[in-house]
């Protein structure tokens, strides 16, 4: 039975894309990302886009936060313009390094200048 636990754990870590991520460090980094996004949205985002703020605040895991980026981009675009919003979302995306399955990580876009 021990081999099953070990195999499941290593499979889970492989899905995350890094063998160095522990459950406690994953939780810590998820909360850091959550707070970083909320800080970027600020009071204006919370006041004018409460649903998006709630989605970020109550995302259940790192993948849930990853999927909020499009909505966060829209809010940041409304607040700061597209160029600044893209830079901010790029910094948010960088924080996910090593936490997501390979299929979810950002890929270079031909749209960037």
N, C-alpha and C. Protein backbone atom coordinates (compact mmCIF):
# COMPACT_ATOMS: atom_id res chain seq x y z
N UNK A 1 0.81 -1.19 0.00
CA UNK A 1 0.00 0.00 0.00
C UNK A 1 0.86 1.27 0.00
N UNK A 2 2.05 1.17 0.61
CA UNK A 2 2.93 2.34 0.65
C UNK A 2 3.31 2.79 -0.76
N UNK A 3 3.55 1.83 -1.66
CA UNK A 3 3.93 2.19 -3.02
C UNK A 3 2.82 2.97 -3.72
N UNK A 4 1.55 2.67 -3.37
CA UNK A 4 0.43 3.38 -3.97
C UNK A 4 0.44 4.85 -3.56
N UNK A 5 0.69 5.11 -2.27
CA UNK A 5 0.76 6.49 -1.80
C UNK A 5 1.91 7.24 -2.48
N UNK A 6 3.05 6.59 -2.58
CA UNK A 6 4.22 7.21 -3.21
C UNK A 6 3.95 7.49 -4.68
N UNK A 7 3.34 6.51 -5.37
CA UNK A 7 3.04 6.68 -6.78
C UNK A 7 2.04 7.80 -7.00
N UNK A 8 1.00 7.85 -6.17
CA UNK A 8 0.01 8.92 -6.29
C UNK A 8 0.62 10.28 -6.03
N UNK A 9 1.48 10.35 -5.02
CA UNK A 9 2.12 11.63 -4.69
C UNK A 9 3.03 12.08 -5.83
N UNK A 10 3.83 11.18 -6.38
CA UNK A 10 4.72 11.58 -7.46
C UNK A 10 3.94 11.91 -8.73
N UNK A 11 2.82 11.22 -8.96
CA UNK A 11 1.97 11.55 -10.10
C UNK A 11 1.37 12.94 -9.94
N UNK A 12 0.92 13.25 -8.73
CA UNK A 12 0.37 14.58 -8.45
C UNK A 12 1.42 15.65 -8.68
N UNK A 13 2.62 15.42 -8.18
CA UNK A 13 3.69 16.41 -8.35
C UNK A 13 4.06 16.55 -9.83
N UNK A 14 4.02 15.46 -10.58
CA UNK A 14 4.32 15.54 -12.01
C UNK A 14 3.27 16.37 -12.73
N UNK A 15 2.03 16.23 -12.32
CA UNK A 15 0.97 17.04 -12.90
C UNK A 15 1.18 18.51 -12.62
N UNK A 16 1.71 18.82 -11.48
CA UNK A 16 1.97 20.22 -11.13
C UNK A 16 3.15 20.78 -11.90
N UNK A 17 3.95 19.91 -12.47
CA UNK A 17 5.06 20.38 -13.28
C UNK A 17 6.36 20.54 -12.51
N UNK A 18 6.37 20.20 -11.24
CA UNK A 18 7.59 20.34 -10.45
C UNK A 18 7.57 19.35 -9.31
N UNK A 19 8.67 18.68 -9.07
CA UNK A 19 8.74 17.75 -7.96
C UNK A 19 9.03 18.43 -6.64
N UNK A 20 9.26 19.73 -6.63
CA UNK A 20 9.64 20.45 -5.43
C UNK A 20 8.46 21.09 -4.70
N UNK A 21 7.27 21.03 -5.26
CA UNK A 21 6.12 21.68 -4.66
C UNK A 21 5.48 20.75 -3.64
N UNK A 22 5.46 21.20 -2.40
CA UNK A 22 4.80 20.43 -1.35
C UNK A 22 3.39 20.98 -1.16
N UNK A 23 2.49 20.21 -0.59
CA UNK A 23 1.13 20.73 -0.37
C UNK A 23 1.11 22.03 0.41
N UNK A 24 1.98 22.16 1.41
CA UNK A 24 1.97 23.40 2.20
C UNK A 24 2.55 24.56 1.40
N UNK A 25 3.58 24.32 0.60
CA UNK A 25 4.12 25.41 -0.22
C UNK A 25 3.15 25.78 -1.33
N UNK A 26 2.41 24.81 -1.85
CA UNK A 26 1.38 25.09 -2.85
C UNK A 26 0.31 25.99 -2.26
N UNK A 27 -0.12 25.68 -1.05
CA UNK A 27 -1.13 26.51 -0.38
C UNK A 27 -0.60 27.92 -0.13
N UNK A 28 0.64 28.02 0.35
CA UNK A 28 1.24 29.33 0.61
C UNK A 28 1.34 30.16 -0.66
N UNK A 29 1.83 29.54 -1.72
CA UNK A 29 1.99 30.28 -2.98
C UNK A 29 0.64 30.65 -3.58
N UNK A 30 -0.35 29.78 -3.43
CA UNK A 30 -1.69 30.09 -3.92
C UNK A 30 -2.23 31.33 -3.22
N UNK A 31 -2.04 31.40 -1.91
CA UNK A 31 -2.51 32.57 -1.16
C UNK A 31 -1.72 33.83 -1.52
N UNK A 32 -0.43 33.68 -1.81
CA UNK A 32 0.37 34.83 -2.25
C UNK A 32 -0.14 35.35 -3.58
N UNK A 33 -0.45 34.44 -4.50
CA UNK A 33 -0.98 34.84 -5.81
C UNK A 33 -2.33 35.51 -5.64
N UNK A 34 -3.19 34.92 -4.81
CA UNK A 34 -4.51 35.49 -4.56
C UNK A 34 -4.39 36.93 -4.06
N UNK A 35 -3.51 37.14 -3.09
CA UNK A 35 -3.34 38.47 -2.52
C UNK A 35 -2.73 39.43 -3.54
N UNK A 36 -1.81 38.95 -4.34
CA UNK A 36 -1.20 39.78 -5.38
C UNK A 36 -2.26 40.27 -6.36
N UNK A 37 -3.15 39.36 -6.79
CA UNK A 37 -4.22 39.74 -7.72
C UNK A 37 -5.16 40.75 -7.07
N UNK A 38 -5.54 40.47 -5.82
CA UNK A 38 -6.44 41.40 -5.12
C UNK A 38 -5.79 42.77 -4.96
N UNK A 39 -4.49 42.80 -4.69
CA UNK A 39 -3.78 44.08 -4.58
C UNK A 39 -3.80 44.83 -5.91
N UNK A 40 -3.63 44.10 -7.01
CA UNK A 40 -3.67 44.73 -8.33
C UNK A 40 -5.05 45.30 -8.62
N UNK A 41 -6.10 44.60 -8.21
CA UNK A 41 -7.47 45.10 -8.42
C UNK A 41 -7.77 46.30 -7.54
N UNK A 42 -7.21 46.30 -6.34
CA UNK A 42 -7.35 47.42 -5.42
C UNK A 42 -8.79 47.72 -5.03
N UNK A 43 -8.96 48.86 -4.40
CA UNK A 43 -10.28 49.29 -3.94
C UNK A 43 -11.23 49.57 -5.10
N UNK A 44 -10.68 50.15 -6.17
CA UNK A 44 -11.51 50.44 -7.34
C UNK A 44 -12.11 49.17 -7.91
N UNK A 45 -11.29 48.15 -8.07
CA UNK A 45 -11.77 46.87 -8.58
C UNK A 45 -12.80 46.24 -7.67
N UNK A 46 -12.54 46.31 -6.38
CA UNK A 46 -13.47 45.74 -5.41
C UNK A 46 -14.81 46.47 -5.43
N UNK A 47 -14.76 47.79 -5.58
CA UNK A 47 -15.99 48.58 -5.56
C UNK A 47 -16.79 48.44 -6.86
N UNK A 48 -16.10 48.49 -8.00
CA UNK A 48 -16.78 48.51 -9.28
C UNK A 48 -16.94 47.14 -9.93
N UNK A 49 -16.16 46.16 -9.50
CA UNK A 49 -16.22 44.82 -10.06
C UNK A 49 -16.24 43.78 -8.93
N UNK A 50 -17.25 43.84 -8.06
CA UNK A 50 -17.25 42.95 -6.90
C UNK A 50 -17.33 41.47 -7.26
N UNK A 51 -17.97 41.13 -8.36
CA UNK A 51 -18.08 39.72 -8.73
C UNK A 51 -16.71 39.15 -9.09
N UNK A 52 -15.91 39.90 -9.80
CA UNK A 52 -14.57 39.44 -10.17
C UNK A 52 -13.71 39.31 -8.91
N UNK A 53 -13.83 40.28 -8.03
CA UNK A 53 -13.08 40.22 -6.77
C UNK A 53 -13.47 38.98 -5.98
N UNK A 54 -14.75 38.67 -5.95
CA UNK A 54 -15.21 37.45 -5.24
C UNK A 54 -14.66 36.20 -5.89
N UNK A 55 -14.62 36.17 -7.23
CA UNK A 55 -14.08 34.99 -7.91
C UNK A 55 -12.63 34.76 -7.51
N UNK A 56 -11.87 35.84 -7.42
CA UNK A 56 -10.47 35.73 -7.01
C UNK A 56 -10.39 35.30 -5.55
N UNK A 57 -11.13 35.97 -4.71
CA UNK A 57 -11.07 35.72 -3.27
C UNK A 57 -11.46 34.27 -2.93
N UNK A 58 -12.43 33.72 -3.64
CA UNK A 58 -12.96 32.40 -3.27
C UNK A 58 -12.58 31.29 -4.25
N UNK A 59 -11.62 31.54 -5.13
CA UNK A 59 -11.13 30.46 -6.00
C UNK A 59 -10.59 29.34 -5.10
N UNK A 60 -10.95 28.11 -5.43
CA UNK A 60 -10.62 27.01 -4.53
C UNK A 60 -9.19 26.53 -4.62
N UNK A 61 -8.54 26.78 -5.74
CA UNK A 61 -7.18 26.29 -5.90
C UNK A 61 -6.42 27.15 -6.91
N UNK A 62 -5.19 26.75 -7.17
CA UNK A 62 -4.33 27.53 -8.06
C UNK A 62 -4.90 27.55 -9.48
N UNK A 63 -5.52 26.45 -9.92
CA UNK A 63 -6.12 26.43 -11.25
C UNK A 63 -7.30 27.41 -11.32
N UNK A 64 -8.08 27.49 -10.26
CA UNK A 64 -9.18 28.44 -10.22
C UNK A 64 -8.68 29.87 -10.35
N UNK A 65 -7.58 30.17 -9.68
CA UNK A 65 -6.98 31.51 -9.82
C UNK A 65 -6.47 31.74 -11.24
N UNK A 66 -5.88 30.70 -11.83
CA UNK A 66 -5.37 30.81 -13.19
C UNK A 66 -6.49 31.22 -14.15
N UNK A 67 -7.65 30.62 -13.97
CA UNK A 67 -8.76 30.91 -14.88
C UNK A 67 -9.40 32.26 -14.63
N UNK A 68 -9.09 32.94 -13.55
CA UNK A 68 -9.63 34.28 -13.32
C UNK A 68 -8.86 35.36 -14.09
N UNK A 69 -7.72 34.99 -14.64
CA UNK A 69 -6.86 36.00 -15.28
C UNK A 69 -7.55 36.78 -16.40
N UNK A 70 -8.40 36.13 -17.18
CA UNK A 70 -9.08 36.84 -18.28
C UNK A 70 -9.98 37.94 -17.73
N UNK A 71 -10.73 37.62 -16.68
CA UNK A 71 -11.59 38.63 -16.06
C UNK A 71 -10.76 39.72 -15.39
N UNK A 72 -9.67 39.34 -14.77
CA UNK A 72 -8.79 40.32 -14.14
C UNK A 72 -8.20 41.23 -15.21
N UNK A 73 -7.85 40.67 -16.35
CA UNK A 73 -7.33 41.47 -17.47
C UNK A 73 -8.37 42.50 -17.90
N UNK A 74 -9.62 42.10 -17.98
CA UNK A 74 -10.68 43.03 -18.39
C UNK A 74 -10.82 44.17 -17.39
N UNK A 75 -10.78 43.86 -16.11
CA UNK A 75 -10.89 44.89 -15.07
C UNK A 75 -9.68 45.81 -15.12
N UNK A 76 -8.49 45.24 -15.17
CA UNK A 76 -7.28 46.06 -15.21
C UNK A 76 -7.23 46.90 -16.48
N UNK A 77 -7.75 46.36 -17.58
CA UNK A 77 -7.81 47.13 -18.81
C UNK A 77 -8.72 48.33 -18.68
N UNK A 78 -9.85 48.14 -18.01
CA UNK A 78 -10.78 49.25 -17.77
C UNK A 78 -10.16 50.29 -16.84
N UNK A 79 -9.34 49.83 -15.91
CA UNK A 79 -8.73 50.74 -14.94
C UNK A 79 -7.53 51.49 -15.50
N UNK A 80 -6.67 50.77 -16.25
CA UNK A 80 -5.36 51.32 -16.62
C UNK A 80 -5.09 51.37 -18.12
N UNK A 81 -5.92 50.77 -18.92
CA UNK A 81 -5.64 50.64 -20.35
C UNK A 81 -5.02 49.29 -20.63
N UNK A 82 -5.08 48.87 -21.88
CA UNK A 82 -4.65 47.53 -22.24
C UNK A 82 -3.17 47.27 -22.04
N UNK A 83 -2.34 48.21 -22.38
CA UNK A 83 -0.89 47.99 -22.29
C UNK A 83 -0.48 47.73 -20.84
N UNK A 84 -0.91 48.57 -19.93
CA UNK A 84 -0.58 48.39 -18.51
C UNK A 84 -1.20 47.10 -17.99
N UNK A 85 -2.44 46.84 -18.40
CA UNK A 85 -3.12 45.62 -17.95
C UNK A 85 -2.36 44.37 -18.39
N UNK A 86 -1.87 44.36 -19.61
CA UNK A 86 -1.11 43.20 -20.10
C UNK A 86 0.17 43.01 -19.28
N UNK A 87 0.83 44.08 -18.93
CA UNK A 87 2.04 43.98 -18.11
C UNK A 87 1.70 43.41 -16.74
N UNK A 88 0.61 43.89 -16.14
CA UNK A 88 0.21 43.42 -14.81
C UNK A 88 -0.19 41.96 -14.85
N UNK A 89 -0.95 41.56 -15.87
CA UNK A 89 -1.36 40.16 -15.98
C UNK A 89 -0.14 39.29 -16.28
N UNK A 90 0.82 39.81 -17.00
CA UNK A 90 2.07 39.07 -17.23
C UNK A 90 2.79 38.80 -15.92
N UNK A 91 2.83 39.80 -15.04
CA UNK A 91 3.46 39.60 -13.72
C UNK A 91 2.66 38.60 -12.89
N UNK A 92 1.34 38.66 -13.00
CA UNK A 92 0.50 37.68 -12.29
C UNK A 92 0.79 36.28 -12.83
N UNK A 93 0.84 36.13 -14.14
CA UNK A 93 1.08 34.82 -14.76
C UNK A 93 2.43 34.25 -14.34
N UNK A 94 3.44 35.10 -14.21
CA UNK A 94 4.77 34.65 -13.80
C UNK A 94 4.74 33.98 -12.43
N UNK A 95 3.83 34.39 -11.58
CA UNK A 95 3.76 33.84 -10.22
C UNK A 95 3.29 32.39 -10.21
N UNK A 96 2.71 31.91 -11.31
CA UNK A 96 2.21 30.54 -11.39
C UNK A 96 3.28 29.53 -11.79
N UNK A 97 4.50 30.02 -12.08
CA UNK A 97 5.57 29.12 -12.54
C UNK A 97 5.75 27.94 -11.60
N UNK A 98 5.71 26.74 -12.16
CA UNK A 98 5.93 25.53 -11.41
C UNK A 98 4.72 25.03 -10.64
N UNK A 99 3.59 25.71 -10.73
CA UNK A 99 2.41 25.31 -9.96
C UNK A 99 1.33 24.65 -10.80
N UNK A 100 1.38 24.81 -12.10
CA UNK A 100 0.30 24.33 -12.97
C UNK A 100 0.73 23.14 -13.80
N UNK A 101 -0.24 22.33 -14.21
CA UNK A 101 0.08 21.29 -15.18
C UNK A 101 0.62 21.94 -16.46
N UNK A 102 1.44 21.24 -17.18
CA UNK A 102 2.09 21.83 -18.36
C UNK A 102 1.09 22.38 -19.37
N UNK A 103 -0.07 21.76 -19.49
CA UNK A 103 -1.06 22.20 -20.45
C UNK A 103 -1.70 23.53 -20.11
N UNK A 104 -1.57 24.00 -18.88
CA UNK A 104 -2.18 25.26 -18.48
C UNK A 104 -1.22 26.43 -18.48
N UNK A 105 0.06 26.18 -18.61
CA UNK A 105 1.00 27.29 -18.53
C UNK A 105 0.91 28.17 -19.77
N UNK A 106 1.30 29.43 -19.61
CA UNK A 106 1.25 30.39 -20.72
C UNK A 106 2.22 29.99 -21.81
N UNK A 107 1.78 30.25 -23.02
CA UNK A 107 2.63 30.03 -24.17
C UNK A 107 2.92 31.38 -24.82
N UNK A 108 4.07 31.52 -25.43
CA UNK A 108 4.35 32.79 -26.11
C UNK A 108 3.29 33.07 -27.16
N UNK A 109 2.89 34.31 -27.27
CA UNK A 109 1.86 34.70 -28.22
C UNK A 109 2.47 35.44 -29.39
N UNK A 110 1.94 35.19 -30.58
CA UNK A 110 2.39 35.94 -31.75
C UNK A 110 1.81 37.34 -31.75
N UNK A 111 0.90 37.62 -30.80
CA UNK A 111 0.25 38.93 -30.74
C UNK A 111 1.07 39.96 -29.99
N UNK A 112 2.04 39.51 -29.21
CA UNK A 112 2.85 40.47 -28.45
C UNK A 112 3.82 41.17 -29.39
N UNK A 113 4.04 42.42 -29.09
CA UNK A 113 4.90 43.22 -29.95
C UNK A 113 6.33 43.15 -29.53
